[in-house]
Amino acid sequence: MKRFIQYSALALALAINGVAAAEQAPDFTLKALDGTNLRLAEQRGDIMLINFWASWCGPCIQEMPQLDKLAQKYLPLGVQVWGVNVESDSSAAKAYLNKVSVGFPILLDQDNAVSKAYQVEAMPTTVILDKDGQVRSVHRGYKPGVEKKYEEDIKGLLRE
């Protein structure tokens, strides 16, 4: 019964955020800052934390070092962090990342096709996918400490 209640609460949270529970994440391929193309569907088997951000977004900038810590901590356990920059001109994002280096891939969604597919309405938006590519949680906005919630979500998925 406890499992059903947890799932129902998750379904409700996802529905409130505009994403159906256990909905297959929209597949995409984007170019990373290093020039490689990364495709989401090729990452099946890993838990994915996808963070949509912009260089003009103060909370996004504040969150970036926390995401880097999560990426470093959980990569050995099969968790990937991807940052998706939503700006049509990536020069400001590149300038920021020259000052604050992160170890996870930064992808460029210059035409906003991916952010539209993920119904991104607030900056930042973080989407966490399970190993099968199902959307399991969506977090809109950032407040210090929310990375603890990301960790709870990740740990729960690692236990499945």
Protein backbone atom coordinates (compact mmCIF):
# COMPACT_ATOMS: atom_id res chain seq x y z
CA MET A 1 0.00 0.00 0.00
CA LYS A 2 2.86 2.38 0.83
CA ARG A 3 4.31 1.96 -2.69
CA PHE A 4 0.93 2.82 -4.22
CA ILE A 5 0.64 5.96 -2.12
CA GLN A 6 4.14 7.07 -3.10
CA TYR A 7 3.43 6.46 -6.77
CA SER A 8 0.12 8.30 -6.56
CA ALA A 9 1.82 11.28 -4.94
CA LEU A 10 4.46 11.23 -7.67
CA ALA A 11 1.79 11.02 -10.37
CA LEU A 12 0.01 13.97 -8.81
CA ALA A 13 3.22 16.01 -8.59
CA LEU A 14 4.04 15.29 -12.22
CA ALA A 15 0.50 16.11 -13.31
CA ILE A 16 0.65 19.43 -11.45
CA ASN A 17 3.90 20.17 -13.29
CA GLY A 18 2.32 19.32 -16.66
CA VAL A 19 4.03 15.95 -17.16
CA ALA A 20 2.14 12.66 -17.02
CA ALA A 21 3.49 10.09 -14.59
CA ALA A 22 5.82 7.56 -16.21
CA GLU A 23 5.57 9.42 -19.50
CA GLN A 24 8.28 8.53 -21.98
CA ALA A 25 10.67 11.45 -22.20
CA PRO A 26 10.78 13.07 -25.64
CA ASP A 27 13.89 11.91 -27.46
CA PHE A 28 16.30 14.52 -28.80
CA THR A 29 19.74 15.00 -30.22
CA LEU A 30 21.62 18.22 -29.47
CA LYS A 31 25.12 19.47 -30.12
CA ALA A 32 27.26 19.84 -27.01
CA LEU A 33 29.69 22.67 -26.44
CA ASP A 34 32.56 20.31 -27.25
CA GLY A 35 31.04 19.75 -30.72
CA THR A 36 29.72 16.22 -30.18
CA ASN A 37 26.10 15.30 -30.77
CA LEU A 38 24.36 13.62 -27.84
CA ARG A 39 21.13 11.65 -28.21
CA LEU A 40 18.97 10.97 -25.19
CA ALA A 41 17.70 7.57 -26.38
CA GLU A 42 21.29 6.30 -26.48
CA GLN A 43 21.56 6.85 -22.71
CA ARG A 44 18.97 4.22 -21.73
CA GLY A 45 20.18 2.28 -18.73
CA ASP A 46 21.36 5.45 -16.98
CA ILE A 47 19.36 7.77 -14.78
CA MET A 48 19.30 11.20 -16.41
CA LEU A 49 19.07 14.61 -14.74
CA ILE A 50 18.38 17.19 -17.46
CA ASN A 51 18.66 20.81 -16.40
CA PHE A 52 17.29 23.53 -18.70
CA TRP A 53 19.06 26.83 -18.01
CA ALA A 54 20.09 30.22 -19.38
CA SER A 55 23.06 32.47 -18.60
CA TRP A 56 20.75 35.43 -17.87
CA CYS A 57 18.97 33.42 -15.15
CA GLY A 58 20.43 34.17 -11.71
CA PRO A 59 19.04 31.02 -10.05
CA CYS A 60 20.41 28.92 -12.94
CA ILE A 61 23.89 30.32 -12.38
CA GLN A 62 23.57 29.76 -8.63
CA GLU A 63 22.53 26.14 -9.20
CA MET A 64 25.27 25.19 -11.68
CA PRO A 65 28.02 24.37 -9.11
CA GLN A 66 25.54 22.22 -7.16
CA LEU A 67 24.67 20.28 -10.31
CA ASP A 68 28.36 19.75 -10.97
CA LYS A 69 28.79 18.24 -7.49
CA LEU A 70 25.84 15.90 -8.12
CA ALA A 71 27.27 14.91 -11.49
CA GLN A 72 30.65 14.04 -10.00
CA LYS A 73 29.12 12.14 -7.08
CA TYR A 74 26.63 10.02 -9.02
CA LEU A 75 28.29 9.43 -12.42
CA PRO A 76 30.04 6.26 -11.15
CA LEU A 77 26.59 4.92 -10.19
CA GLY A 78 25.08 5.37 -13.66
CA VAL A 79 23.60 8.84 -13.28
CA GLN A 80 24.23 11.47 -15.93
CA VAL A 81 23.66 15.21 -15.65
CA TRP A 82 23.07 17.19 -18.83
CA GLY A 83 22.72 20.96 -18.96
CA VAL A 84 20.55 22.25 -21.80
CA ASN A 85 21.16 25.90 -22.56
CA VAL A 86 18.04 27.47 -24.09
CA GLU A 87 19.52 30.68 -25.50
CA SER A 88 19.43 31.32 -29.25
CA ASP A 89 22.89 32.90 -28.98
CA SER A 90 25.17 30.69 -26.89
CA SER A 91 28.01 33.22 -26.54
CA ALA A 92 26.94 34.37 -23.04
CA ALA A 93 26.66 30.75 -21.88
CA LYS A 94 30.11 29.98 -23.27
CA ALA A 95 31.55 33.05 -21.52
CA TYR A 96 29.99 31.98 -18.20
CA LEU A 97 31.32 28.42 -18.59
CA ASN A 98 34.82 29.77 -19.28
CA LYS A 99 34.70 31.25 -15.76
CA VAL A 100 32.83 28.43 -14.00
CA SER A 101 33.84 25.07 -15.40
CA VAL A 102 31.47 22.11 -15.12
CA GLY A 103 32.29 18.49 -15.83
CA PHE A 104 28.95 17.49 -17.32
CA PRO A 105 27.84 18.04 -20.93
CA ILE A 106 26.28 21.36 -21.86
CA LEU A 107 23.94 21.03 -24.84
CA LEU A 108 22.68 23.87 -27.02
CA ASP A 109 18.92 24.14 -27.68
CA GLN A 110 19.20 27.30 -29.77
CA ASP A 111 15.82 26.91 -31.48
CA ASN A 112 14.08 25.87 -28.22
CA ALA A 113 12.61 22.75 -29.81
CA VAL A 114 13.68 20.54 -26.90
CA SER A 115 12.58 22.97 -24.20
CA LYS A 116 9.16 23.18 -25.89
CA ALA A 117 8.92 19.39 -26.03
CA TYR A 118 9.62 19.31 -22.27
CA GLN A 119 7.14 22.12 -21.56
CA VAL A 120 9.84 24.29 -19.96
CA GLU A 121 8.06 27.36 -18.60
CA ALA A 122 10.41 28.41 -15.80
CA MET A 123 14.16 28.79 -15.48
CA PRO A 124 15.73 26.59 -14.41
CA THR A 125 13.69 23.43 -15.00
CA THR A 126 15.13 20.08 -13.99
CA VAL A 127 13.72 16.81 -15.30
CA ILE A 128 14.79 13.46 -13.87
CA LEU A 129 14.37 10.29 -15.95
CA ASP A 130 14.59 6.69 -14.83
CA LYS A 131 16.76 4.07 -16.53
CA ASP A 132 13.98 3.33 -19.04
CA GLY A 133 13.71 6.96 -20.14
CA GLN A 134 10.50 7.65 -18.23
CA VAL A 135 9.94 11.09 -16.70
CA ARG A 136 9.89 10.55 -12.96
CA SER A 137 10.14 14.08 -11.56
CA VAL A 138 10.10 17.68 -12.70
CA HIS A 139 11.40 20.60 -10.64
CA ARG A 140 10.73 24.18 -11.75
CA GLY A 141 12.82 27.03 -10.37
CA TYR A 142 15.67 26.86 -7.91
CA LYS A 143 16.11 27.59 -4.24
CA PRO A 144 19.25 26.71 -2.31
CA GLY A 145 18.89 23.20 -0.95
CA VAL A 146 16.70 21.82 -3.77
CA GLU A 147 19.66 19.69 -4.82
CA LYS A 148 18.83 17.55 -1.75
CA LYS A 149 15.49 16.77 -3.38
CA TYR A 150 17.31 15.84 -6.59
CA GLU A 151 19.47 13.46 -4.54
CA GLU A 152 16.39 11.90 -2.93
CA ASP A 153 14.88 11.34 -6.38
CA ILE A 154 18.14 9.85 -7.68
CA LYS A 155 18.60 7.55 -4.67
CA GLY A 156 15.03 6.32 -5.04
CA LEU A 157 15.63 5.48 -8.69
CA LEU A 158 18.92 3.77 -7.88
CA ARG A 159 17.05 1.48 -5.44
CA GLU A 160 14.57 0.36 -8.11
